[in-house]
Amino acid sequence: MHPLIHARTCPDQPACILASSNEVMTYGELDALANQGAQLLRNLGLKRGDTVAVVLGNDFEIFVVAWATQRIGLYLTAVSTKTSAGDLAYVLENSETKVLIAGKDYSQVAEQAVDQVASMALSVFSHAPGRTPFLKACEEMPVTMVSDPSAGSDMLYSSGMTGRPKGVKPQLPEGPIEAKTPLMQLGESLYGMDGASRYLSTSPLYHAAPLRWAMVIHRFGGTVVVMERFDAQQSLALIEQHRITHATFVPTHFVRMLKLDSQARQQHDHRSLKAVIHAAAPCPVPVKHAMIEWWGPIIHEYYSGTETCGITALDSAQWLSKPGSVGRAVLGQVKILGPDGEEVPAGIQGDVYFADGPKFEYHNDPEKTRQAYNDKGWATLNDIGWVDEDGYLFLTDRKSFMIISGGVNIYPQEIENLLITHPQVEDAAVFGAPDDEMGERVVAVIQPRAGVAGDAQLAEALRKFVRDALGGVKCPQQFDFRNELPREPTGKLMKRLLKAEYEAAHQALSA
């Protein structure tokens, strides 16, 4: 299945709807524009394995480019719309980009990045003076399919924990472009996705999961309703308005929806939903219980990464029997390794690896690629966890976020998951800050709920809340308050920014 097939059989079927304007792009329109885009890229000399980079918002153009690259064997590198010129320049050079496509709101940063890589042979389409927008340039191209179509892929950049992002480069698919993909098979078997699916896309399309799931829906012939940015109240309204059957969220979205007042939560009909899928970050157990109670046993979870070296998944019934788990392997095999690199028994914590999953590499970085694999060829996403006797995986935390305080290993995820349930807390980040005596001390940075003062009284209340639930060792020694915490638009907490700030402050005091 493929959009080109749906363009022939049901050209007037909506492929995409923009939530902000209700503007519709049909399959006939999408296929014609994707063909023109592919023809243009071919005319520019791009060949199988070359890279096209885009800085585009959540609108039709990103799908046009994605399907254009997919049908001529190219890699698509979607870059964050929050990127700096320096980071974009790094990605352009590292990915060996041949064509850069920038939307109207991102043309200035694109030009600044291009100035930094002036030595590259780079074709640029943007709205900057002297440039031509990509869709405008496509207008003169034929709407017919290229004579030798070839399946492409994405090469997305993982934000990473430290340093520059890493380009995750999978092997290009072989075979016809309309062949069923592994993600289609999972969407069909786990979530019941098909041509009648109406999918709500809630997150930025430059991220792996939002872009890939939207394209899966296009392969099935369903309709993707695209939110420009997430809003809790609007998402509920869109589910009712468009009779949404499938949607993907991150736990932060759940928290924001659950913290709407009762009337706001109940005024929209959500009975059209068949499967609600979440990933990207651990979901606190009380939050997930609340979502299942609200929407019913249609909440699904999976664990993976941009690398897609393996996937675990579970449905609501499985999760209710194994609260806190991220499921059993549905792609690859989960392996838990101890400090010596050998497998450990069920119930023992260690590094999470996947065996027999799809291969990938970090583009132009053989050392990082080497570090991602062990001597058996198993790959890791650098998470810590354990499996139970039934093969269900439980994640403890990111390896890089583990706090060592006075020689004791402390995992901040558990503390964050507790703090976010406090009625006076909107958001929470827990991490280790440098400490001359203990090595690291546990710091909690809190975003109080609207109208709640971030003061000593709240700090003491939260300290007691954590101590009573988790004990004194895991209780943060320091509580600080912010109006807002740094999160990516997908909801991922950017703790590395907070850690860097506290490390810099400590160095300044020690100087």
Protein backbone atom coordinates (compact mmCIF):
# COMPACT_ATOMS: atom_id res chain seq x y z
CA MET A 1 0.00 0.00 0.00
CA HIS A 2 1.17 3.49 -0.83
CA PRO A 3 -0.27 6.99 -1.43
CA LEU A 4 0.23 6.53 -5.18
CA ILE A 5 -2.25 3.64 -5.09
CA HIS A 6 -4.79 5.66 -3.11
CA ALA A 7 -4.36 8.53 -5.58
CA ARG A 8 -5.61 6.18 -8.29
CA THR A 9 -8.40 4.49 -6.35
CA CYS A 10 -9.72 7.36 -4.20
CA PRO A 11 -8.09 10.64 -5.34
CA ASP A 12 -10.56 12.81 -3.43
CA GLN A 13 -9.95 11.07 -0.09
CA PRO A 14 -8.39 13.53 2.40
CA ALA A 15 -4.77 12.61 3.09
CA CYS A 16 -4.11 15.54 5.46
CA ILE A 17 -6.20 18.11 7.28
CA LEU A 18 -4.62 21.10 9.01
CA ALA A 19 -6.31 21.47 12.39
CA SER A 20 -5.81 25.24 12.55
CA SER A 21 -7.56 26.01 9.24
CA ASN A 22 -9.40 22.80 8.24
CA GLU A 23 -7.54 23.01 4.91
CA VAL A 24 -7.52 19.63 3.15
CA MET A 25 -4.97 17.95 0.89
CA THR A 26 -6.36 14.96 -1.00
CA TYR A 27 -4.45 11.86 -2.05
CA GLY A 28 -4.64 12.99 -5.66
CA GLU A 29 -3.06 16.32 -4.75
CA LEU A 30 -0.43 14.78 -2.49
CA ASP A 31 0.64 12.24 -5.09
CA ALA A 32 0.88 14.81 -7.89
CA LEU A 33 2.99 17.17 -5.78
CA ALA A 34 5.21 14.35 -4.54
CA ASN A 35 5.81 13.26 -8.14
CA GLN A 36 6.72 16.83 -9.11
CA GLY A 37 9.05 17.06 -6.11
CA ALA A 38 10.75 13.79 -7.07
CA GLN A 39 11.17 14.97 -10.65
CA LEU A 40 12.73 18.24 -9.45
CA LEU A 41 15.18 16.47 -7.13
CA ARG A 42 16.15 14.08 -9.93
CA ASN A 43 16.71 17.05 -12.27
CA LEU A 44 19.10 18.45 -9.68
CA GLY A 45 21.19 15.30 -10.01
CA LEU A 46 20.29 13.57 -6.74
CA LYS A 47 20.79 9.83 -6.77
CA ARG A 48 19.85 6.95 -4.46
CA GLY A 49 21.42 7.40 -1.04
CA ASP A 50 21.68 11.21 -1.22
CA THR A 51 20.20 13.42 1.49
CA VAL A 52 17.58 16.17 1.48
CA ALA A 53 17.31 18.31 4.65
CA VAL A 54 14.18 20.26 5.58
CA VAL A 55 13.29 22.86 8.19
CA LEU A 56 9.52 22.85 7.91
CA GLY A 57 6.59 23.32 10.25
CA ASN A 58 3.57 21.08 10.69
CA ASP A 59 1.96 21.67 7.30
CA PHE A 60 1.45 19.98 3.94
CA GLU A 61 4.91 20.71 2.56
CA ILE A 62 6.74 18.29 4.83
CA PHE A 63 4.57 15.44 3.56
CA VAL A 64 5.14 16.46 -0.05
CA VAL A 65 8.91 16.39 0.45
CA ALA A 66 8.79 13.17 2.49
CA TRP A 67 6.88 11.28 -0.20
CA ALA A 68 9.01 12.82 -2.95
CA THR A 69 12.22 11.56 -1.33
CA GLN A 70 10.65 8.21 -0.51
CA ARG A 71 10.00 7.40 -4.17
CA ILE A 72 13.52 8.08 -5.48
CA GLY A 73 15.66 6.41 -2.82
CA LEU A 74 16.74 9.49 -0.86
CA TYR A 75 17.30 10.10 2.84
CA LEU A 76 15.10 12.78 4.41
CA THR A 77 16.68 14.70 7.30
CA ALA A 78 14.00 16.71 9.09
CA VAL A 79 15.61 19.34 11.34
CA SER A 80 14.00 20.94 14.39
CA THR A 81 12.22 24.22 13.74
CA LYS A 82 13.89 25.43 16.95
CA THR A 83 17.36 24.89 15.49
CA SER A 84 20.14 27.43 15.68
CA ALA A 85 22.08 28.36 12.57
CA GLY A 86 25.16 26.64 14.01
CA ASP A 87 23.35 23.36 14.70
CA LEU A 88 21.71 23.42 11.27
CA ALA A 89 25.08 24.02 9.63
CA TYR A 90 26.49 21.04 11.54
CA VAL A 91 23.64 18.79 10.36
CA LEU A 92 24.04 19.97 6.75
CA GLU A 93 27.73 19.13 6.79
CA ASN A 94 27.45 15.91 8.77
CA SER A 95 24.59 14.55 6.64
CA GLU A 96 26.26 15.64 3.40
CA THR A 97 23.02 17.28 2.39
CA LYS A 98 22.52 18.00 -1.30
CA VAL A 99 19.28 20.01 -1.03
CA LEU A 100 17.98 22.20 1.80
CA ILE A 101 14.29 23.14 1.93
CA ALA A 102 13.13 25.76 4.43
CA GLY A 103 9.66 27.06 5.22
CA LYS A 104 8.76 30.73 5.34
CA ASP A 105 9.29 31.10 9.08
CA TYR A 106 12.66 29.33 8.96
CA SER A 107 14.26 30.86 5.88
CA GLN A 108 16.38 33.32 7.83
CA VAL A 109 18.04 30.69 10.02
CA ALA A 110 18.51 28.55 6.92
CA GLU A 111 20.38 31.36 5.17
CA GLN A 112 22.57 31.90 8.22
CA ALA A 113 23.43 28.20 8.23
CA VAL A 114 24.14 28.19 4.51
CA ASP A 115 26.59 31.06 5.02
CA GLN A 116 28.51 28.84 7.46
CA VAL A 117 28.81 25.99 4.94
CA ALA A 118 29.49 28.11 1.87
CA SER A 119 31.96 25.57 0.53
CA MET A 120 29.26 22.89 0.18
CA ALA A 121 27.59 22.23 -3.17
CA LEU A 122 24.08 22.86 -1.86
CA SER A 123 20.80 23.65 -3.61
CA VAL A 124 18.57 25.81 -1.39
CA PHE A 125 14.82 26.34 -1.64
CA SER A 126 13.35 28.90 0.75
CA HIS A 127 11.38 32.13 1.00
CA ALA A 128 14.49 34.28 1.45
CA PRO A 129 15.18 37.05 -1.11
CA GLY A 130 16.65 35.57 -4.27
CA ARG A 131 15.48 32.04 -3.45
CA THR A 132 12.55 30.02 -4.80
CA PRO A 133 10.23 28.11 -2.46
CA PHE A 134 10.27 24.38 -3.08
CA LEU A 135 6.60 24.04 -3.96
CA LYS A 136 6.89 26.96 -6.40
CA ALA A 137 9.88 25.31 -8.09
CA CYS A 138 7.88 22.08 -8.43
CA GLU A 139 5.14 23.73 -10.50
CA GLU A 140 7.01 23.31 -13.80
CA MET A 141 7.76 19.64 -13.21
CA PRO A 142 5.79 16.67 -14.64
CA VAL A 143 3.18 15.13 -12.34
CA THR A 144 4.10 11.63 -13.52
CA MET A 145 6.09 9.09 -11.53
CA VAL A 146 9.81 8.86 -12.28
CA SER A 147 10.68 5.98 -14.56
CA ASP A 148 12.77 4.13 -11.96
CA PRO A 149 11.21 4.56 -8.49
CA SER A 150 13.23 3.46 -5.47
CA ALA A 151 12.31 3.30 -1.77
CA GLY A 152 13.87 5.95 0.46
CA SER A 153 14.06 6.45 4.21
CA ASP A 154 14.61 9.09 6.84
CA MET A 155 17.92 9.92 8.47
CA LEU A 156 16.91 11.82 11.58
CA TYR A 157 19.18 13.34 14.17
CA SER A 158 18.85 12.12 17.74
CA SER A 159 19.14 14.99 20.22
CA GLY A 160 21.44 12.92 22.41
CA MET A 161 22.39 13.67 26.00
CA THR A 162 25.63 15.52 25.38
CA GLY A 163 27.46 17.04 22.47
CA ARG A 164 26.27 17.27 18.89
CA PRO A 165 23.23 15.31 17.68
CA LYS A 166 23.78 11.98 15.97
CA GLY A 167 22.44 11.18 12.51
CA VAL A 168 20.69 7.80 12.69
CA LYS A 169 21.18 6.20 9.29
CA PRO A 170 19.22 3.02 8.57
CA GLN A 171 19.78 0.86 5.54
CA LEU A 172 17.70 1.93 2.56
CA PRO A 173 14.79 -0.45 1.91
CA GLU A 174 15.00 -2.80 -1.03
CA GLY A 175 12.10 -3.80 -3.25
CA PRO A 176 9.09 -1.88 -4.57
CA ILE A 177 8.17 1.43 -2.94
CA GLU A 178 4.66 0.18 -2.16
CA ALA A 179 5.91 -2.84 -0.17
CA LYS A 180 4.52 -3.15 3.35
CA THR A 181 6.92 -1.75 5.95
CA PRO A 182 7.63 -3.19 9.44
CA LEU A 183 5.93 -0.18 11.04
CA MET A 184 2.82 -0.78 8.91
CA GLN A 185 2.74 -4.36 10.13
CA LEU A 186 2.90 -3.18 13.75
CA GLY A 187 0.26 -0.51 13.18
CA GLU A 188 -2.05 -3.10 11.65
CA SER A 189 -1.49 -5.91 14.13
CA LEU A 190 -1.19 -3.92 17.36
CA TYR A 191 -3.46 -0.93 16.78
CA GLY A 192 -5.89 -1.92 14.04
CA MET A 193 -4.78 0.81 11.63
CA ASP A 194 -6.30 0.63 8.15
CA GLY A 195 -7.69 2.78 5.35
CA ALA A 196 -10.53 4.02 7.55
CA SER A 197 -8.16 5.33 10.25
CA ARG A 198 -8.38 9.00 11.17
CA TYR A 199 -5.18 9.88 12.97
CA LEU A 200 -4.47 12.89 15.18
CA SER A 201 -0.85 14.02 14.91
CA THR A 202 -0.08 16.00 18.08
CA SER A 203 3.68 16.58 17.89
CA PRO A 204 6.28 18.22 15.61
CA LEU A 205 6.75 16.29 12.40
CA TYR A 206 10.52 16.71 12.45
CA HIS A 207 10.62 14.04 15.17
CA ALA A 208 10.84 10.37 14.28
CA ALA A 209 7.62 8.94 15.71
CA PRO A 210 5.21 11.71 14.58
CA LEU A 211 6.56 11.71 11.02
CA ARG A 212 6.75 7.93 10.72
CA TRP A 213 3.28 7.23 12.13
CA ALA A 214 1.69 9.89 9.91
CA MET A 215 3.32 8.30 6.87
CA VAL A 216 2.09 4.88 7.98
CA ILE A 217 -1.46 6.24 7.95
CA HIS A 218 -0.85 7.57 4.43
CA ARG A 219 0.30 4.12 3.35
CA PHE A 220 -2.97 2.68 4.62
CA GLY A 221 -5.00 5.44 2.93
CA GLY A 222 -6.33 7.02 6.12
CA THR A 223 -6.52 10.70 7.05
CA VAL A 224 -3.96 12.60 9.15
CA VAL A 225 -5.22 15.58 11.16
CA VAL A 226 -2.19 17.73 11.93
CA MET A 227 -1.98 20.00 14.95
CA GLU A 228 0.39 22.93 14.50
CA ARG A 229 1.28 22.62 18.17
CA PHE A 230 -0.21 20.65 21.04
CA ASP A 231 -3.00 22.16 23.11
CA ALA A 232 -4.82 19.96 25.62
CA GLN A 233 -8.29 21.44 25.12
CA GLN A 234 -7.98 21.62 21.34
CA SER A 235 -6.88 17.99 21.10
CA LEU A 236 -10.10 16.88 22.81
CA ALA A 237 -12.15 19.06 20.47
CA LEU A 238 -10.38 17.66 17.40
CA ILE A 239 -11.02 14.07 18.49
CA GLU A 240 -14.74 14.81 18.51
CA GLN A 241 -14.78 17.02 15.40
CA HIS A 242 -12.88 14.61 13.13
CA ARG A 243 -14.03 11.35 14.73
CA ILE A 244 -10.42 10.45 15.41
CA THR A 245 -9.74 6.71 15.64
CA HIS A 246 -6.00 6.75 16.40
CA ALA A 247 -3.71 9.26 18.08
CA THR A 248 -0.20 9.43 19.47
CA PHE A 249 0.72 11.35 22.59
CA VAL A 250 3.59 11.68 25.04
CA PRO A 251 3.04 11.44 28.81
CA THR A 252 3.30 15.22 29.20
CA HIS A 253 0.25 15.54 26.95
CA PHE A 254 -1.65 13.14 29.21
CA VAL A 255 -0.70 15.17 32.28
CA ARG A 256 -1.91 18.40 30.67
CA MET A 257 -5.21 16.87 29.61
CA LEU A 258 -5.79 15.34 33.03
CA LYS A 259 -5.15 18.70 34.71
CA LEU A 260 -7.94 20.38 32.74
CA ASP A 261 -10.95 21.02 34.92
CA SER A 262 -13.64 18.36 34.96
CA GLN A 263 -16.03 20.27 32.72
CA ALA A 264 -13.37 20.88 30.06
CA ARG A 265 -12.41 17.21 30.07
CA GLN A 266 -15.93 15.88 29.75
CA GLN A 267 -17.48 18.23 27.19
CA HIS A 268 -16.08 16.42 24.13
CA ASP A 269 -16.98 12.96 22.84
CA HIS A 270 -13.98 10.63 22.56
CA ARG A 271 -15.87 7.41 21.78
CA SER A 272 -14.51 7.27 18.21
CA LEU A 273 -11.04 6.42 19.57
CA LYS A 274 -9.89 2.87 18.92
CA ALA A 275 -6.22 3.08 19.93
CA VAL A 276 -4.29 5.80 21.73
CA ILE A 277 -0.54 5.29 21.60
CA HIS A 278 2.13 6.86 23.77
CA ALA A 279 5.91 6.71 23.84
CA ALA A 280 8.98 9.01 23.93
CA ALA A 281 9.20 9.20 27.73
CA PRO A 282 8.20 7.10 30.78
CA CYS A 283 4.59 7.55 31.87
CA PRO A 284 4.00 7.82 35.63
CA VAL A 285 1.87 4.93 36.83
CA PRO A 286 -0.89 7.13 38.37
CA VAL A 287 -1.13 9.14 35.14
CA LYS A 288 -1.62 6.04 33.02
CA HIS A 289 -4.16 4.60 35.44
CA ALA A 290 -6.10 7.87 35.15
CA MET A 291 -6.02 7.81 31.34
CA ILE A 292 -7.28 4.22 31.19
CA GLU A 293 -10.04 5.09 33.64
CA TRP A 294 -11.01 8.10 31.49
CA TRP A 295 -10.73 6.69 27.95
CA GLY A 296 -11.00 2.98 28.62
CA PRO A 297 -8.61 0.11 27.85
CA ILE A 298 -7.47 1.60 24.53
CA ILE A 299 -4.18 3.06 25.80
CA HIS A 300 -1.13 1.44 24.19
CA GLU A 301 2.54 1.99 24.89
CA TYR A 302 5.74 1.19 23.08
CA TYR A 303 9.42 1.72 23.75
CA SER A 304 11.97 2.35 21.04
CA GLY A 305 14.13 5.18 19.71
CA THR A 306 15.05 7.01 16.55
CA GLU A 307 17.49 4.14 15.94
CA THR A 308 14.62 1.58 15.89
CA CYS A 309 17.02 -1.23 16.74
CA GLY A 310 14.16 -2.88 18.63
CA ILE A 311 10.64 -2.20 19.91
CA THR A 312 8.67 -3.36 22.94
CA ALA A 313 4.92 -2.83 23.24
CA LEU A 314 1.91 -3.62 25.40
CA ASP A 315 -1.80 -2.83 25.58
CA SER A 316 -3.89 -1.63 28.51
CA ALA A 317 -4.78 -5.10 29.80
CA GLN A 318 -1.14 -6.16 29.79
CA TRP A 319 -0.06 -2.94 31.47
CA LEU A 320 -2.71 -3.26 34.19
CA SER A 321 -1.26 -6.68 35.01
CA LYS A 322 2.30 -5.29 34.83
CA PRO A 323 2.05 -1.63 35.93
CA GLY A 324 5.09 0.37 34.93
CA SER A 325 6.22 -2.01 32.20
CA VAL A 326 6.91 -0.88 28.62
CA GLY A 327 6.02 -4.30 27.25
CA ARG A 328 7.56 -7.29 25.57
CA ALA A 329 9.65 -7.24 22.42
CA VAL A 330 7.76 -7.03 19.13
CA LEU A 331 10.88 -6.20 17.10
CA GLY A 332 14.21 -7.74 18.12
CA GLN A 333 14.85 -9.42 21.46
CA VAL A 334 15.44 -7.66 24.79
CA LYS A 335 18.69 -8.48 26.56
CA ILE A 336 19.75 -7.13 29.97
CA LEU A 337 23.49 -7.00 30.51
CA GLY A 338 25.46 -6.60 33.72
CA PRO A 339 28.68 -4.62 34.27
CA ASP A 340 30.70 -7.47 32.76
CA GLY A 341 28.68 -7.36 29.53
CA GLU A 342 27.00 -10.69 30.18
CA GLU A 343 23.26 -11.36 30.42
CA VAL A 344 21.73 -11.22 33.89
CA PRO A 345 18.71 -13.20 35.17
CA ALA A 346 15.14 -11.90 35.26
CA GLY A 347 14.61 -9.27 37.92
CA ILE A 348 18.21 -8.03 37.86
CA GLN A 349 18.84 -4.51 36.66
CA GLY A 350 21.31 -3.75 33.89
CA ASP A 351 21.89 -2.13 30.52
CA VAL A 352 19.08 -2.67 28.00
CA TYR A 353 20.13 -4.10 24.63
CA PHE A 354 18.24 -5.42 21.60
CA ALA A 355 19.40 -8.50 19.71
CA ASP A 356 18.37 -9.37 16.14
CA GLY A 357 16.85 -5.96 15.43
CA PRO A 358 17.33 -3.74 12.37
CA LYS A 359 20.86 -2.44 11.87
CA PHE A 360 21.73 1.24 11.87
CA GLU A 361 24.76 3.46 12.04
CA TYR A 362 25.48 6.97 13.25
CA HIS A 363 26.33 8.78 10.06
CA ASN A 364 29.98 9.72 9.73
CA ASP A 365 30.64 8.65 13.32
CA PRO A 366 32.07 5.11 13.45
CA GLU A 367 33.11 5.50 17.10
CA LYS A 368 29.56 6.31 18.29
CA THR A 369 28.28 3.47 16.14
CA ARG A 370 30.81 1.12 17.74
CA GLN A 371 29.74 2.23 21.22
CA ALA A 372 26.09 1.48 20.41
CA TYR A 373 26.85 -2.21 19.75
CA ASN A 374 28.46 -4.90 21.88
CA ASP A 375 30.68 -7.75 20.74
CA LYS A 376 27.60 -9.88 20.01
CA GLY A 377 26.16 -7.29 17.64
CA TRP A 378 23.40 -6.26 20.04
CA ALA A 379 22.45 -2.56 20.09
CA THR A 380 21.58 -0.26 22.99
CA LEU A 381 19.69 3.02 23.40
CA ASN A 382 21.61 3.61 26.65
CA ASP A 383 18.72 2.90 28.98
CA ILE A 384 18.82 0.94 32.24
CA GLY A 385 16.13 -1.57 33.15
CA TRP A 386 15.15 -5.14 33.93
CA VAL A 387 12.82 -7.84 32.63
CA ASP A 388 10.51 -10.00 34.69
CA GLU A 389 10.05 -13.75 34.36
CA ASP A 390 7.44 -13.20 31.59
CA GLY A 391 9.77 -11.08 29.47
CA TYR A 392 8.21 -7.69 30.24
CA LEU A 393 10.68 -4.83 30.26
CA PHE A 394 10.73 -2.23 33.04
CA LEU A 395 12.89 0.87 32.48
CA THR A 396 14.76 2.42 35.37
CA ASP A 397 16.21 5.51 33.71
CA ARG A 398 18.55 6.84 31.09
CA LYS A 399 22.08 5.69 31.86
CA SER A 400 23.39 9.25 31.52
CA PHE A 401 20.89 10.60 34.07
CA MET A 402 21.85 8.26 36.91
CA ILE A 403 22.92 10.22 39.99
CA ILE A 404 25.76 8.94 42.16
CA SER A 405 25.48 10.65 45.53
CA GLY A 406 27.74 9.50 48.34
CA GLY A 407 28.38 6.29 46.39
CA VAL A 408 24.64 5.48 46.07
CA ASN A 409 23.02 5.12 42.62
CA ILE A 410 19.81 7.17 42.40
CA TYR A 411 17.51 7.17 39.37
CA PRO A 412 15.70 10.50 38.92
CA GLN A 413 12.88 9.13 36.76
CA GLU A 414 11.23 7.51 39.78
CA ILE A 415 11.35 10.81 41.69
CA GLU A 416 10.01 12.82 38.73
CA ASN A 417 7.16 10.37 38.23
CA LEU A 418 6.15 10.91 41.85
CA LEU A 419 6.51 14.69 41.89
CA ILE A 420 4.39 15.21 38.78
CA THR A 421 1.43 13.65 40.62
CA HIS A 422 1.49 16.29 43.38
CA PRO A 423 -1.55 18.58 42.99
CA GLN A 424 0.56 21.74 43.22
CA VAL A 425 3.13 20.65 40.61
CA GLU A 426 2.81 21.34 36.89
CA ASP A 427 6.18 19.90 35.86
CA ALA A 428 9.33 18.51 37.46
CA ALA A 429 12.94 17.75 36.60
CA VAL A 430 15.31 15.83 38.87
CA PHE A 431 19.03 15.52 38.20
CA GLY A 432 22.41 15.43 39.85
CA ALA A 433 24.30 18.67 40.47
CA PRO A 434 27.98 18.82 41.47
CA ASP A 435 28.60 18.58 45.21
CA ASP A 436 32.06 18.81 46.78
CA GLU A 437 31.20 16.41 49.60
CA MET A 438 28.79 13.90 48.06
CA GLY A 439 30.00 13.99 44.46
CA GLU A 440 26.48 14.86 43.33
CA ARG A 441 23.40 16.08 45.18
CA VAL A 442 19.84 15.42 44.07
CA VAL A 443 18.19 18.60 42.76
CA ALA A 444 14.53 19.00 41.85
CA VAL A 445 13.51 21.93 39.66
CA ILE A 446 9.77 22.44 39.90
CA GLN A 447 7.25 24.31 37.78
CA PRO A 448 4.36 25.01 40.17
CA ARG A 449 0.80 24.98 38.94
CA ALA A 450 -0.73 28.32 38.01
CA GLY A 451 -1.46 30.37 41.11
CA VAL A 452 0.87 28.34 43.34
CA ALA A 453 3.86 30.12 44.85
CA GLY A 454 7.24 28.45 44.45
CA ASP A 455 8.54 29.13 47.94
CA ALA A 456 10.04 27.51 51.02
CA GLN A 457 6.64 26.28 52.15
CA LEU A 458 6.06 24.39 48.89
CA ALA A 459 9.62 23.05 48.97
CA GLU A 460 9.06 21.62 52.45
CA ALA A 461 5.73 20.09 51.42
CA LEU A 462 7.36 18.40 48.41
CA ARG A 463 10.30 17.23 50.50
CA LYS A 464 7.92 15.49 52.90
CA PHE A 465 5.89 14.12 49.97
CA VAL A 466 8.95 12.44 48.44
CA ARG A 467 10.44 11.29 51.75
CA ASP A 468 7.19 9.64 52.81
CA ALA A 469 6.87 7.81 49.49
CA LEU A 470 10.46 6.96 48.55
CA GLY A 471 12.56 7.43 51.68
CA GLY A 472 15.26 9.88 52.63
CA VAL A 473 17.99 8.66 50.25
CA LYS A 474 15.95 9.52 47.15
CA CYS A 475 14.60 12.78 48.51
CA PRO A 476 16.08 15.83 46.72
CA GLN A 477 18.39 17.90 48.89
CA GLN A 478 17.51 21.02 46.90
CA PHE A 479 14.22 22.29 45.47
CA ASP A 480 14.27 25.18 43.01
CA PHE A 481 11.37 26.71 41.13
CA ARG A 482 10.91 27.93 37.55
CA ASN A 483 8.02 29.38 35.59
CA GLU A 484 8.65 26.80 32.88
CA LEU A 485 10.94 23.82 32.31
CA PRO A 486 12.82 23.25 29.06
CA ARG A 487 10.95 20.66 27.06
CA GLU A 488 11.07 19.79 23.41
CA PRO A 489 7.76 20.27 21.57
CA THR A 490 7.30 16.50 21.74
CA GLY A 491 7.29 16.75 25.53
CA LYS A 492 10.77 15.36 26.13
CA LEU A 493 12.42 17.02 29.11
CA MET A 494 15.76 18.60 28.18
CA LYS A 495 17.50 17.96 31.49
CA ARG A 496 20.89 18.31 29.87
CA LEU A 497 20.27 22.07 29.70
CA LEU A 498 19.50 22.26 33.41
CA LYS A 499 22.47 20.06 34.32
CA ALA A 500 24.78 22.23 32.24
CA GLU A 501 23.48 25.36 33.99
CA TYR A 502 24.10 23.96 37.48
CA GLU A 503 27.52 22.60 36.48
CA ALA A 504 28.53 26.01 35.12
CA ALA A 505 27.36 27.71 38.34
CA HIS A 506 29.42 25.26 40.42
CA GLN A 507 32.52 25.86 38.31
CA ALA A 508 32.10 29.61 38.66
CA LEU A 509 31.94 29.31 42.45
CA SER A 510 34.95 27.02 42.50
CA ALA A 511 37.08 29.27 40.30
